Amino acid sequence: MKRNLLLFLAVLVGIIFIVNSTKRILTFRDTSKSVEDAQKQLDRLREENKALKDELEYKKTDEFAEEEIRNKLGLAREGETIVVLPKEDSDDQQEINNRVSQKNWQKWWELFFGG
């Protein structure tokens, strides 16, 4: 009887030990996964930060300022010639212009009867 009781207690302690160990292992695995995800996010943010710093450094240069001035204000360096080509009206643009000038009832007629 005493031996059965000791065996039962040993099995019970073993089961408790196994359950607790399993819980700790699962918790450790989840924590490890969280740390890996955080590390990946940190690496991504560091790369983004470096790219933003590089962009900021470029935007502080005279080259960037000159490029922006030339593009936005249409200015040129001394001795350069600016050539502006007129835009050609494409067939699609002409069709859009025709539709805009049509009356509403004509648009409906085209929609239903394919005018």
N, C-alpha and C. Protein backbone atom coordinates (compact mmCIF):
# COMPACT_ATOMS: atom_id res chain seq x y z
N MET A 1 0.82 -1.18 0.00
CA MET A 1 0.00 0.00 0.00
C MET A 1 0.87 1.25 0.00
N LYS A 2 1.89 1.24 0.88
CA LYS A 2 2.79 2.37 0.97
C LYS A 2 3.56 2.54 -0.35
N ARG A 3 3.90 1.43 -0.95
CA ARG A 3 4.63 1.47 -2.21
C ARG A 3 3.75 2.03 -3.32
N ASN A 4 2.48 1.67 -3.38
CA ASN A 4 1.54 2.20 -4.38
C ASN A 4 1.35 3.71 -4.22
N LEU A 5 1.29 4.13 -2.95
CA LEU A 5 1.14 5.55 -2.66
C LEU A 5 2.37 6.33 -3.13
N LEU A 6 3.55 5.81 -2.88
CA LEU A 6 4.78 6.45 -3.32
C LEU A 6 4.87 6.48 -4.86
N LEU A 7 4.47 5.39 -5.48
CA LEU A 7 4.46 5.34 -6.94
C LEU A 7 3.48 6.36 -7.51
N PHE A 8 2.30 6.45 -6.90
CA PHE A 8 1.30 7.42 -7.34
C PHE A 8 1.84 8.85 -7.19
N LEU A 9 2.46 9.17 -6.08
CA LEU A 9 3.03 10.50 -5.84
C LEU A 9 4.16 10.79 -6.84
N ALA A 10 4.97 9.80 -7.13
CA ALA A 10 6.06 9.99 -8.08
C ALA A 10 5.52 10.28 -9.48
N VAL A 11 4.48 9.55 -9.87
CA VAL A 11 3.85 9.78 -11.18
C VAL A 11 3.21 11.16 -11.22
N LEU A 12 2.53 11.54 -10.12
CA LEU A 12 1.89 12.85 -10.04
C LEU A 12 2.93 13.97 -10.13
N VAL A 13 4.02 13.84 -9.41
CA VAL A 13 5.09 14.84 -9.46
C VAL A 13 5.70 14.88 -10.87
N GLY A 14 5.85 13.73 -11.49
CA GLY A 14 6.38 13.67 -12.86
C GLY A 14 5.46 14.38 -13.85
N ILE A 15 4.16 14.16 -13.72
CA ILE A 15 3.19 14.82 -14.61
C ILE A 15 3.22 16.33 -14.40
N ILE A 16 3.25 16.76 -13.15
CA ILE A 16 3.31 18.20 -12.86
C ILE A 16 4.60 18.79 -13.45
N PHE A 17 5.70 18.08 -13.27
CA PHE A 17 6.97 18.55 -13.82
C PHE A 17 6.90 18.66 -15.34
N ILE A 18 6.32 17.66 -16.00
CA ILE A 18 6.21 17.67 -17.47
C ILE A 18 5.32 18.82 -17.93
N VAL A 19 4.19 19.04 -17.27
CA VAL A 19 3.28 20.12 -17.65
C VAL A 19 3.96 21.48 -17.49
N ASN A 20 4.61 21.68 -16.35
CA ASN A 20 5.30 22.96 -16.12
C ASN A 20 6.44 23.18 -17.12
N SER A 21 7.18 22.12 -17.40
CA SER A 21 8.28 22.23 -18.36
C SER A 21 7.75 22.57 -19.75
N THR A 22 6.66 21.93 -20.13
CA THR A 22 6.05 22.20 -21.44
C THR A 22 5.59 23.65 -21.52
N LYS A 23 4.96 24.15 -20.46
CA LYS A 23 4.50 25.54 -20.44
C LYS A 23 5.68 26.50 -20.58
N ARG A 24 6.76 26.22 -19.88
CA ARG A 24 7.94 27.09 -19.95
C ARG A 24 8.58 27.05 -21.33
N ILE A 25 8.62 25.89 -21.92
CA ILE A 25 9.19 25.76 -23.26
C ILE A 25 8.35 26.55 -24.27
N LEU A 26 7.02 26.43 -24.17
CA LEU A 26 6.15 27.17 -25.08
C LEU A 26 6.28 28.68 -24.86
N THR A 27 6.36 29.10 -23.61
CA THR A 27 6.54 30.52 -23.31
C THR A 27 7.87 31.02 -23.86
N PHE A 28 8.91 30.23 -23.70
CA PHE A 28 10.23 30.59 -24.22
C PHE A 28 10.19 30.70 -25.74
N ARG A 29 9.51 29.77 -26.40
CA ARG A 29 9.40 29.80 -27.85
C ARG A 29 8.66 31.05 -28.32
N ASP A 30 7.55 31.39 -27.66
CA ASP A 30 6.80 32.59 -28.01
C ASP A 30 7.63 33.85 -27.78
N THR A 31 8.36 33.89 -26.68
CA THR A 31 9.21 35.04 -26.38
C THR A 31 10.33 35.15 -27.42
N SER A 32 10.89 34.03 -27.79
CA SER A 32 11.94 34.03 -28.80
C SER A 32 11.42 34.55 -30.13
N LYS A 33 10.22 34.13 -30.51
CA LYS A 33 9.59 34.60 -31.75
C LYS A 33 9.35 36.11 -31.69
N SER A 34 8.90 36.60 -30.55
CA SER A 34 8.67 38.04 -30.38
C SER A 34 9.97 38.82 -30.50
N VAL A 35 11.04 38.28 -29.93
CA VAL A 35 12.34 38.94 -30.01
C VAL A 35 12.82 38.97 -31.46
N GLU A 36 12.65 37.88 -32.19
CA GLU A 36 13.05 37.84 -33.60
C GLU A 36 12.26 38.86 -34.41
N ASP A 37 10.95 38.93 -34.18
CA ASP A 37 10.12 39.90 -34.90
C ASP A 37 10.55 41.33 -34.58
N ALA A 38 10.83 41.60 -33.32
CA ALA A 38 11.27 42.93 -32.92
C ALA A 38 12.62 43.26 -33.55
N GLN A 39 13.50 42.27 -33.65
CA GLN A 39 14.81 42.49 -34.25
C GLN A 39 14.68 42.79 -35.74
N LYS A 40 13.78 42.08 -36.42
CA LYS A 40 13.55 42.34 -37.84
C LYS A 40 12.99 43.75 -38.04
N GLN A 41 12.05 44.13 -37.19
CA GLN A 41 11.47 45.47 -37.29
C GLN A 41 12.53 46.53 -37.01
N LEU A 42 13.39 46.28 -36.03
CA LEU A 42 14.46 47.21 -35.71
C LEU A 42 15.42 47.36 -36.90
N ASP A 43 15.77 46.25 -37.53
CA ASP A 43 16.65 46.30 -38.71
C ASP A 43 16.01 47.10 -39.84
N ARG A 44 14.71 46.85 -40.06
CA ARG A 44 13.99 47.57 -41.12
C ARG A 44 13.94 49.06 -40.82
N LEU A 45 13.68 49.41 -39.57
CA LEU A 45 13.63 50.82 -39.18
C LEU A 45 15.01 51.49 -39.28
N ARG A 46 16.06 50.74 -38.98
CA ARG A 46 17.41 51.29 -39.12
C ARG A 46 17.73 51.57 -40.59
N GLU A 47 17.33 50.66 -41.47
CA GLU A 47 17.55 50.87 -42.90
C GLU A 47 16.76 52.08 -43.39
N GLU A 48 15.52 52.18 -42.94
CA GLU A 48 14.68 53.33 -43.33
C GLU A 48 15.28 54.63 -42.80
N ASN A 49 15.77 54.59 -41.57
CA ASN A 49 16.40 55.77 -40.97
C ASN A 49 17.64 56.18 -41.76
N LYS A 50 18.44 55.21 -42.17
CA LYS A 50 19.64 55.50 -42.96
C LYS A 50 19.27 56.12 -44.30
N ALA A 51 18.22 55.57 -44.93
CA ALA A 51 17.77 56.11 -46.22
C ALA A 51 17.28 57.54 -46.05
N LEU A 52 16.55 57.81 -44.97
CA LEU A 52 16.06 59.16 -44.74
C LEU A 52 17.21 60.13 -44.45
N LYS A 53 18.21 59.67 -43.71
CA LYS A 53 19.38 60.52 -43.44
C LYS A 53 20.13 60.83 -44.73
N ASP A 54 20.28 59.81 -45.60
CA ASP A 54 20.94 60.03 -46.88
C ASP A 54 20.16 61.03 -47.73
N GLU A 55 18.83 60.89 -47.73
CA GLU A 55 17.99 61.81 -48.49
C GLU A 55 18.12 63.23 -47.94
N LEU A 56 18.14 63.36 -46.63
CA LEU A 56 18.29 64.67 -46.00
C LEU A 56 19.63 65.30 -46.38
N GLU A 57 20.70 64.51 -46.34
CA GLU A 57 22.01 65.02 -46.71
C GLU A 57 22.02 65.49 -48.16
N TYR A 58 21.36 64.73 -49.04
CA TYR A 58 21.29 65.13 -50.45
C TYR A 58 20.51 66.42 -50.60
N LYS A 59 19.42 66.53 -49.86
CA LYS A 59 18.58 67.73 -49.97
C LYS A 59 19.25 68.97 -49.39
N LYS A 60 20.28 68.79 -48.60
CA LYS A 60 21.03 69.93 -48.06
C LYS A 60 22.06 70.44 -49.06
N THR A 61 22.31 69.69 -50.13
CA THR A 61 23.37 70.06 -51.07
C THR A 61 22.89 71.14 -52.03
N ASP A 62 23.86 71.83 -52.59
CA ASP A 62 23.57 72.86 -53.60
C ASP A 62 23.03 72.23 -54.88
N GLU A 63 23.48 71.02 -55.17
CA GLU A 63 23.01 70.31 -56.37
C GLU A 63 21.49 70.12 -56.33
N PHE A 64 20.98 69.71 -55.18
CA PHE A 64 19.54 69.51 -55.05
C PHE A 64 18.80 70.84 -55.18
N ALA A 65 19.32 71.88 -54.52
CA ALA A 65 18.67 73.19 -54.59
C ALA A 65 18.61 73.69 -56.03
N GLU A 66 19.72 73.54 -56.75
CA GLU A 66 19.75 73.98 -58.14
C GLU A 66 18.76 73.19 -59.00
N GLU A 67 18.71 71.87 -58.77
CA GLU A 67 17.79 71.03 -59.54
C GLU A 67 16.34 71.42 -59.28
N GLU A 68 15.99 71.66 -58.03
CA GLU A 68 14.63 72.07 -57.70
C GLU A 68 14.28 73.41 -58.32
N ILE A 69 15.20 74.35 -58.26
CA ILE A 69 14.96 75.67 -58.85
C ILE A 69 14.76 75.54 -60.35
N ARG A 70 15.60 74.76 -60.98
CA ARG A 70 15.49 74.60 -62.43
C ARG A 70 14.20 73.90 -62.82
N ASN A 71 13.80 72.88 -62.07
CA ASN A 71 12.59 72.13 -62.42
C ASN A 71 11.30 72.91 -62.12
N LYS A 72 11.25 73.52 -60.96
CA LYS A 72 10.00 74.17 -60.55
C LYS A 72 9.82 75.56 -61.16
N LEU A 73 10.90 76.28 -61.36
CA LEU A 73 10.78 77.63 -61.89
C LEU A 73 11.09 77.73 -63.38
N GLY A 74 11.55 76.64 -63.95
CA GLY A 74 11.86 76.62 -65.37
C GLY A 74 13.07 77.47 -65.72
N LEU A 75 14.00 77.60 -64.80
CA LEU A 75 15.19 78.39 -65.06
C LEU A 75 16.27 77.52 -65.69
N ALA A 76 17.24 78.19 -66.31
CA ALA A 76 18.34 77.47 -66.94
C ALA A 76 19.65 78.13 -66.56
N ARG A 77 20.70 77.40 -66.71
CA ARG A 77 22.03 77.96 -66.47
C ARG A 77 22.36 78.93 -67.60
N GLU A 78 23.34 79.74 -67.34
CA GLU A 78 23.78 80.68 -68.35
C GLU A 78 24.35 79.90 -69.53
N GLY A 79 23.87 80.24 -70.73
CA GLY A 79 24.34 79.57 -71.93
C GLY A 79 23.45 78.39 -72.33
N GLU A 80 22.55 77.95 -71.49
CA GLU A 80 21.65 76.85 -71.84
C GLU A 80 20.41 77.41 -72.53
N THR A 81 19.82 76.59 -73.36
CA THR A 81 18.60 76.97 -74.05
C THR A 81 17.50 76.01 -73.63
N ILE A 82 16.36 76.57 -73.27
CA ILE A 82 15.22 75.74 -72.88
C ILE A 82 14.33 75.57 -74.09
N VAL A 83 13.97 74.34 -74.37
CA VAL A 83 13.07 74.03 -75.48
C VAL A 83 11.79 73.47 -74.90
N VAL A 84 10.67 74.10 -75.23
CA VAL A 84 9.37 73.65 -74.75
C VAL A 84 8.59 73.15 -75.96
N LEU A 85 8.23 71.90 -75.94
CA LEU A 85 7.49 71.31 -77.05
C LEU A 85 6.01 71.37 -76.75
N PRO A 86 5.20 71.76 -77.71
CA PRO A 86 3.75 71.82 -77.45
C PRO A 86 3.19 70.41 -77.36
N LYS A 87 2.19 70.28 -76.52
CA LYS A 87 1.53 68.98 -76.39
C LYS A 87 0.58 68.79 -77.55
N GLU A 88 0.59 67.60 -78.10
CA GLU A 88 -0.32 67.28 -79.20
C GLU A 88 -1.60 66.72 -78.61
N ASP A 89 -2.74 67.17 -79.16
CA ASP A 89 -4.01 66.61 -78.72
C ASP A 89 -4.14 65.21 -79.30
N SER A 90 -4.28 64.26 -78.45
CA SER A 90 -4.45 62.89 -78.92
C SER A 90 -5.91 62.65 -79.23
N ASP A 91 -6.19 61.54 -79.88
CA ASP A 91 -7.57 61.19 -80.21
C ASP A 91 -8.40 61.02 -78.95
N ASP A 92 -7.80 60.46 -77.90
CA ASP A 92 -8.52 60.27 -76.65
C ASP A 92 -8.91 61.61 -76.05
N GLN A 93 -8.01 62.57 -76.09
CA GLN A 93 -8.30 63.89 -75.53
C GLN A 93 -9.41 64.57 -76.33
N GLN A 94 -9.39 64.42 -77.65
CA GLN A 94 -10.43 65.02 -78.48
C GLN A 94 -11.79 64.38 -78.19
N GLU A 95 -11.78 63.06 -77.97
CA GLU A 95 -13.03 62.36 -77.65
C GLU A 95 -13.59 62.84 -76.31
N ILE A 96 -12.72 63.03 -75.36
CA ILE A 96 -13.15 63.54 -74.05
C ILE A 96 -13.73 64.94 -74.20
N ASN A 97 -13.08 65.77 -75.00
CA ASN A 97 -13.58 67.12 -75.23
C ASN A 97 -14.95 67.10 -75.90
N ASN A 98 -15.15 66.17 -76.85
CA ASN A 98 -16.45 66.05 -77.51
C ASN A 98 -17.53 65.63 -76.53
N ARG A 99 -17.22 64.71 -75.65
CA ARG A 99 -18.20 64.25 -74.67
C ARG A 99 -18.57 65.35 -73.70
N VAL A 100 -17.59 66.16 -73.34
CA VAL A 100 -17.86 67.26 -72.41
C VAL A 100 -18.80 68.27 -73.06
N SER A 101 -18.64 68.49 -74.35
CA SER A 101 -19.46 69.48 -75.02
C SER A 101 -20.85 68.94 -75.40
N GLN A 102 -21.05 67.63 -75.30
CA GLN A 102 -22.36 67.06 -75.62
C GLN A 102 -23.38 67.41 -74.54
N LYS A 103 -24.62 67.44 -74.97
CA LYS A 103 -25.70 67.67 -74.02
C LYS A 103 -25.99 66.36 -73.30
N ASN A 104 -26.60 66.48 -72.15
CA ASN A 104 -26.86 65.33 -71.29
C ASN A 104 -27.73 64.29 -72.00
N TRP A 105 -28.76 64.73 -72.70
CA TRP A 105 -29.65 63.75 -73.36
C TRP A 105 -28.90 63.01 -74.46
N GLN A 106 -27.90 63.65 -75.09
CA GLN A 106 -27.11 62.97 -76.13
C GLN A 106 -26.23 61.88 -75.51
N LYS A 107 -25.69 62.17 -74.33
CA LYS A 107 -24.88 61.16 -73.64
C LYS A 107 -25.72 59.93 -73.30
N TRP A 108 -26.94 60.16 -72.81
CA TRP A 108 -27.82 59.04 -72.49
C TRP A 108 -28.19 58.26 -73.75
N TRP A 109 -28.45 58.97 -74.84
CA TRP A 109 -28.80 58.31 -76.10
C TRP A 109 -27.66 57.39 -76.54
N GLU A 110 -26.40 57.91 -76.45
CA GLU A 110 -25.24 57.10 -76.82
C GLU A 110 -25.09 55.88 -75.92
N LEU A 111 -25.38 56.08 -74.64
CA LEU A 111 -25.23 54.98 -73.69
C LEU A 111 -26.19 53.84 -74.02
N PHE A 112 -27.47 54.19 -74.29
CA PHE A 112 -28.47 53.13 -74.50
C PHE A 112 -28.54 52.63 -75.94
N PHE A 113 -28.31 53.52 -76.89
CA PHE A 113 -28.52 53.14 -78.28
C PHE A 113 -27.24 53.13 -79.10
N GLY A 114 -26.12 53.42 -78.47
CA GLY A 114 -24.82 53.34 -79.16
C GLY A 114 -24.69 54.30 -80.33
N GLY A 115 -24.98 55.54 -80.09
CA GLY A 115 -24.98 56.57 -81.15
C GLY A 115 -23.66 56.82 -81.64
